[in-house]
């Protein structure tokens, strides 16, 4: 969870977003984590799918 909070804080600071409350920050961290997991899973799935059809 610390890594997700770090990423959320970095994203907020880089893009100059108004500092959220702790609850909003935690929600943003979960969102970023789930989105990252989904993207990684999609890339792995696509790679495996293309590799199997060769």
PDB file of N, CA and C in Angstrom:
ATOM      1  N   UNK A   1       0.824  -1.197   0.000  1.00  0.00           N
ATOM      2  CA  UNK A   1       0.000   0.000   0.000  1.00  0.00           C
ATOM      3  C   UNK A   1       0.867   1.259   0.000  1.00  0.00           C
ATOM      4  N   UNK A   2       2.021   1.175   0.623  1.00  0.00           N
ATOM      5  CA  UNK A   2       2.898   2.353   0.641  1.00  0.00           C
ATOM      6  C   UNK A   2       3.335   2.762  -0.759  1.00  0.00           C
ATOM      7  N   UNK A   3       3.611   1.759  -1.590  1.00  0.00           N
ATOM      8  CA  UNK A   3       4.011   2.065  -2.971  1.00  0.00           C
ATOM      9  C   UNK A   3       2.886   2.766  -3.716  1.00  0.00           C
ATOM     10  N   UNK A   4       1.661   2.294  -3.531  1.00  0.00           N
ATOM     11  CA  UNK A   4       0.519   2.929  -4.198  1.00  0.00           C
ATOM     12  C   UNK A   4       0.311   4.356  -3.715  1.00  0.00           C
ATOM     13  N   UNK A   5       0.443   4.569  -2.404  1.00  0.00           N
ATOM     14  CA  UNK A   5       0.312   5.934  -1.871  1.00  0.00           C
ATOM     15  C   UNK A   5       1.425   6.836  -2.402  1.00  0.00           C
ATOM     16  N   UNK A   6       2.626   6.294  -2.503  1.00  0.00           N
ATOM     17  CA  UNK A   6       3.741   7.065  -3.054  1.00  0.00           C
ATOM     18  C   UNK A   6       3.446   7.477  -4.497  1.00  0.00           C
ATOM     19  N   UNK A   7       2.951   6.526  -5.292  1.00  0.00           N
ATOM     20  CA  UNK A   7       2.622   6.835  -6.687  1.00  0.00           C
ATOM     21  C   UNK A   7       1.500   7.865  -6.783  1.00  0.00           C
ATOM     22  N   UNK A   8       0.498   7.744  -5.925  1.00  0.00           N
ATOM     23  CA  UNK A   8      -0.606   8.707  -5.938  1.00  0.00           C
ATOM     24  C   UNK A   8      -0.105  10.100  -5.573  1.00  0.00           C
ATOM     25  N   UNK A   9       0.722  10.181  -4.542  1.00  0.00           N
ATOM     26  CA  UNK A   9       1.270  11.488  -4.130  1.00  0.00           C
ATOM     27  C   UNK A   9       2.147  12.084  -5.219  1.00  0.00           C
ATOM     28  N   UNK A  10       2.956  11.248  -5.854  1.00  0.00           N
ATOM     29  CA  UNK A  10       3.818  11.734  -6.937  1.00  0.00           C
ATOM     30  C   UNK A  10       2.973  12.265  -8.089  1.00  0.00           C
ATOM     31  N   UNK A  11       1.932  11.524  -8.455  1.00  0.00           N
ATOM     32  CA  UNK A  11       1.037  11.951  -9.534  1.00  0.00           C
ATOM     33  C   UNK A  11       0.391  13.294  -9.190  1.00  0.00           C
ATOM     34  N   UNK A  12      -0.085  13.424  -7.956  1.00  0.00           N
ATOM     35  CA  UNK A  12      -0.752  14.653  -7.515  1.00  0.00           C
ATOM     36  C   UNK A  12       0.217  15.825  -7.555  1.00  0.00           C
ATOM     37  N   UNK A  13       1.452  15.619  -7.102  1.00  0.00           N
ATOM     38  CA  UNK A  13       2.428  16.711  -7.070  1.00  0.00           C
ATOM     39  C   UNK A  13       2.925  17.081  -8.463  1.00  0.00           C
ATOM     40  N   UNK A  14       3.119  16.094  -9.314  1.00  0.00           N
ATOM     41  CA  UNK A  14       3.627  16.363 -10.666  1.00  0.00           C
ATOM     42  C   UNK A  14       2.623  17.177 -11.473  1.00  0.00           C
ATOM     43  N   UNK A  15       1.347  16.824 -11.365  1.00  0.00           N
ATOM     44  CA  UNK A  15       0.344  17.505 -12.178  1.00  0.00           C
ATOM     45  C   UNK A  15      -0.305  18.695 -11.461  1.00  0.00           C
ATOM     46  N   UNK A  16       0.147  19.011 -10.256  1.00  0.00           N
ATOM     47  CA  UNK A  16      -0.329  20.199  -9.555  1.00  0.00           C
ATOM     48  C   UNK A  16      -1.783  20.141  -9.137  1.00  0.00           C
ATOM     49  N   UNK A  17      -2.259  18.950  -8.853  1.00  0.00           N
ATOM     50  CA  UNK A  17      -3.644  18.773  -8.421  1.00  0.00           C
ATOM     51  C   UNK A  17      -3.764  19.222  -6.976  1.00  0.00           C
ATOM     52  N   UNK A  18      -4.900  19.800  -6.626  1.00  0.00           N
ATOM     53  CA  UNK A  18      -5.147  20.224  -5.251  1.00  0.00           C
ATOM     54  C   UNK A  18      -4.995  19.031  -4.317  1.00  0.00           C
ATOM     55  N   UNK A  19      -4.286  19.248  -3.208  1.00  0.00           N
ATOM     56  CA  UNK A  19      -4.018  18.169  -2.263  1.00  0.00           C
ATOM     57  C   UNK A  19      -5.330  17.580  -1.732  1.00  0.00           C
ATOM     58  N   UNK A  20      -5.542  16.285  -1.940  1.00  0.00           N
ATOM     59  CA  UNK A  20      -6.782  15.649  -1.482  1.00  0.00           C
ATOM     60  C   UNK A  20      -6.726  15.303   0.008  1.00  0.00           C
ATOM     61  N   UNK A  21      -7.876  14.938   0.539  1.00  0.00           N
ATOM     62  CA  UNK A  21      -7.922  14.444   1.910  1.00  0.00           C
ATOM     63  C   UNK A  21      -7.278  13.059   1.940  1.00  0.00           C
ATOM     64  N   UNK A  22      -7.043  12.534   3.127  1.00  0.00           N
ATOM     65  CA  UNK A  22      -6.428  11.201   3.238  1.00  0.00           C
ATOM     66  C   UNK A  22      -7.306  10.132   2.589  1.00  0.00           C
ATOM     67  N   UNK A  23      -8.618  10.243   2.762  1.00  0.00           N
ATOM     68  CA  UNK A  23      -9.532   9.261   2.168  1.00  0.00           C
ATOM     69  C   UNK A  23      -9.484   9.334   0.641  1.00  0.00           C
ATOM     70  N   UNK A  24      -9.473  10.531   0.100  1.00  0.00           N
ATOM     71  CA  UNK A  24      -9.387  10.690  -1.353  1.00  0.00           C
ATOM     72  C   UNK A  24      -8.037  10.207  -1.881  1.00  0.00           C
ATOM     73  N   UNK A  25      -6.990  10.450  -1.116  1.00  0.00           N
ATOM     74  CA  UNK A  25      -5.662   9.999  -1.504  1.00  0.00           C
ATOM     75  C   UNK A  25      -5.604   8.467  -1.533  1.00  0.00           C
ATOM     76  N   UNK A  26      -6.206   7.831  -0.544  1.00  0.00           N
ATOM     77  CA  UNK A  26      -6.251   6.370  -0.488  1.00  0.00           C
ATOM     78  C   UNK A  26      -7.065   5.820  -1.664  1.00  0.00           C
ATOM     79  N   UNK A  27      -8.175   6.464  -1.980  1.00  0.00           N
ATOM     80  CA  UNK A  27      -9.001   6.037  -3.110  1.00  0.00           C
ATOM     81  C   UNK A  27      -8.236   6.189  -4.427  1.00  0.00           C
ATOM     82  N   UNK A  28      -7.494   7.284  -4.572  1.00  0.00           N
ATOM     83  CA  UNK A  28      -6.686   7.496  -5.774  1.00  0.00           C
ATOM     84  C   UNK A  28      -5.588   6.439  -5.879  1.00  0.00           C
ATOM     85  N   UNK A  29      -4.998   6.076  -4.745  1.00  0.00           N
ATOM     86  CA  UNK A  29      -3.952   5.050  -4.745  1.00  0.00           C
ATOM     87  C   UNK A  29      -4.521   3.714  -5.212  1.00  0.00           C
ATOM     88  N   UNK A  30      -5.698   3.348  -4.713  1.00  0.00           N
ATOM     89  CA  UNK A  30      -6.332   2.096  -5.156  1.00  0.00           C
ATOM     90  C   UNK A  30      -6.655   2.147  -6.640  1.00  0.00           C
ATOM     91  N   UNK A  31      -7.157   3.277  -7.107  1.00  0.00           N
ATOM     92  CA  UNK A  31      -7.494   3.432  -8.519  1.00  0.00           C
ATOM     93  C   UNK A  31      -6.253   3.263  -9.393  1.00  0.00           C
ATOM     94  N   UNK A  32      -5.164   3.918  -9.014  1.00  0.00           N
ATOM     95  CA  UNK A  32      -3.921   3.824  -9.782  1.00  0.00           C
ATOM     96  C   UNK A  32      -3.403   2.391  -9.761  1.00  0.00           C
ATOM     97  N   UNK A  33      -3.488   1.733  -8.611  1.00  0.00           N
ATOM     98  CA  UNK A  33      -3.033   0.351  -8.511  1.00  0.00           C
ATOM     99  C   UNK A  33      -3.845  -0.596  -9.371  1.00  0.00           C
ATOM    100  N   UNK A  34      -5.158  -0.471  -9.321  1.00  0.00           N
ATOM    101  CA  UNK A  34      -6.032  -1.339 -10.115  1.00  0.00           C
ATOM    102  C   UNK A  34      -5.839  -1.077 -11.603  1.00  0.00           C
ATOM    103  N   UNK A  35      -5.732   0.184 -11.974  1.00  0.00           N
ATOM    104  CA  UNK A  35      -5.517   0.520 -13.376  1.00  0.00           C
ATOM    105  C   UNK A  35      -4.176  -0.013 -13.874  1.00  0.00           C
ATOM    106  N   UNK A  36      -3.138   0.127 -13.075  1.00  0.00           N
ATOM    107  CA  UNK A  36      -1.818  -0.392 -13.443  1.00  0.00           C
ATOM    108  C   UNK A  36      -1.846  -1.907 -13.591  1.00  0.00           C
ATOM    109  N   UNK A  37      -2.499  -2.588 -12.654  1.00  0.00           N
ATOM    110  CA  UNK A  37      -2.614  -4.040 -12.725  1.00  0.00           C
ATOM    111  C   UNK A  37      -3.344  -4.454 -13.998  1.00  0.00           C
ATOM    112  N   UNK A  38      -4.420  -3.758 -14.323  1.00  0.00           N
ATOM    113  CA  UNK A  38      -5.181  -4.068 -15.531  1.00  0.00           C
ATOM    114  C   UNK A  38      -4.358  -3.892 -16.793  1.00  0.00           C
ATOM    115  N   UNK A  39      -3.585  -2.835 -16.857  1.00  0.00           N
ATOM    116  CA  UNK A  39      -2.746  -2.579 -18.031  1.00  0.00           C
ATOM    117  C   UNK A  39      -1.671  -3.649 -18.158  1.00  0.00           C
ATOM    118  N   UNK A  40      -1.028  -3.986 -17.046  1.00  0.00           N
ATOM    119  CA  UNK A  40       0.009  -5.017 -17.069  1.00  0.00           C
ATOM    120  C   UNK A  40      -0.588  -6.365 -17.471  1.00  0.00           C
ATOM    121  N   UNK A  41      -1.757  -6.697 -16.931  1.00  0.00           N
ATOM    122  CA  UNK A  41      -2.418  -7.958 -17.283  1.00  0.00           C
ATOM    123  C   UNK A  41      -2.779  -7.989 -18.771  1.00  0.00           C
ATOM    124  N   UNK A  42      -3.244  -6.876 -19.306  1.00  0.00           N
ATOM    125  CA  UNK A  42      -3.595  -6.819 -20.726  1.00  0.00           C
ATOM    126  C   UNK A  42      -2.362  -6.985 -21.609  1.00  0.00           C
ATOM    127  N   UNK A  43      -1.264  -6.373 -21.238  1.00  0.00           N
ATOM    128  CA  UNK A  43      -0.034  -6.490 -22.015  1.00  0.00           C
ATOM    129  C   UNK A  43       0.478  -7.933 -21.986  1.00  0.00           C
ATOM    130  N   UNK A  44       0.466  -8.550 -20.812  1.00  0.00           N
ATOM    131  CA  UNK A  44       0.914  -9.944 -20.705  1.00  0.00           C
ATOM    132  C   UNK A  44       0.004 -10.859 -21.515  1.00  0.00           C
ATOM    133  N   UNK A  45      -1.307 -10.637 -21.417  1.00  0.00           N
ATOM    134  CA  UNK A  45      -2.263 -11.453 -22.174  1.00  0.00           C
ATOM    135  C   UNK A  45      -2.036 -11.308 -23.674  1.00  0.00           C
ATOM    136  N   UNK A  46      -1.827 -10.084 -24.143  1.00  0.00           N
ATOM    137  CA  UNK A  46      -1.584  -9.858 -25.562  1.00  0.00           C
ATOM    138  C   UNK A  46      -0.281 -10.523 -26.000  1.00  0.00           C
ATOM    139  N   UNK A  47       0.746 -10.398 -25.187  1.00  0.00           N
ATOM    140  CA  UNK A  47       2.031 -11.017 -25.526  1.00  0.00           C
ATOM    141  C   UNK A  47       1.901 -12.534 -25.619  1.00  0.00           C
ATOM    142  N   UNK A  48       1.264 -13.135 -24.639  1.00  0.00           N
ATOM    143  CA  UNK A  48       1.089 -14.592 -24.646  1.00  0.00           C
ATOM    144  C   UNK A  48       0.236 -15.017 -25.841  1.00  0.00           C
ATOM    145  N   UNK A  49      -0.803 -14.269 -26.119  1.00  0.00           N
ATOM    146  CA  UNK A  49      -1.686 -14.602 -27.238  1.00  0.00           C
ATOM    147  C   UNK A  49      -0.927 -14.547 -28.562  1.00  0.00           C
ATOM    148  N   UNK A  50      -0.147 -13.521 -28.773  1.00  0.00           N
ATOM    149  CA  UNK A  50       0.628 -13.403 -30.011  1.00  0.00           C
ATOM    150  C   UNK A  50       1.712 -14.466 -30.075  1.00  0.00           C
ATOM    151  N   UNK A  51       2.334 -14.784 -28.969  1.00  0.00           N
ATOM    152  CA  UNK A  51       3.404 -15.773 -28.937  1.00  0.00           C
ATOM    153  C   UNK A  51       2.877 -17.175 -29.222  1.00  0.00           C
ATOM    154  N   UNK A  52       1.662 -17.472 -28.781  1.00  0.00           N
ATOM    155  CA  UNK A  52       1.083 -18.807 -28.971  1.00  0.00           C
ATOM    156  C   UNK A  52       0.656 -19.052 -30.417  1.00  0.00           C
ATOM    157  N   UNK A  53       0.374 -17.988 -31.156  1.00  0.00           N
ATOM    158  CA  UNK A  53      -0.116 -18.134 -32.526  1.00  0.00           C
ATOM    159  C   UNK A  53       0.982 -18.107 -33.567  1.00  0.00           C
ATOM    160  N   UNK A  54       2.201 -18.103 -33.153  1.00  0.00           N
ATOM    161  CA  UNK A  54       3.316 -18.080 -34.114  1.00  0.00           C
ATOM    162  C   UNK A  54       3.767 -19.441 -34.434  1.00  0.00           C
TER     163      UNK A  54
END
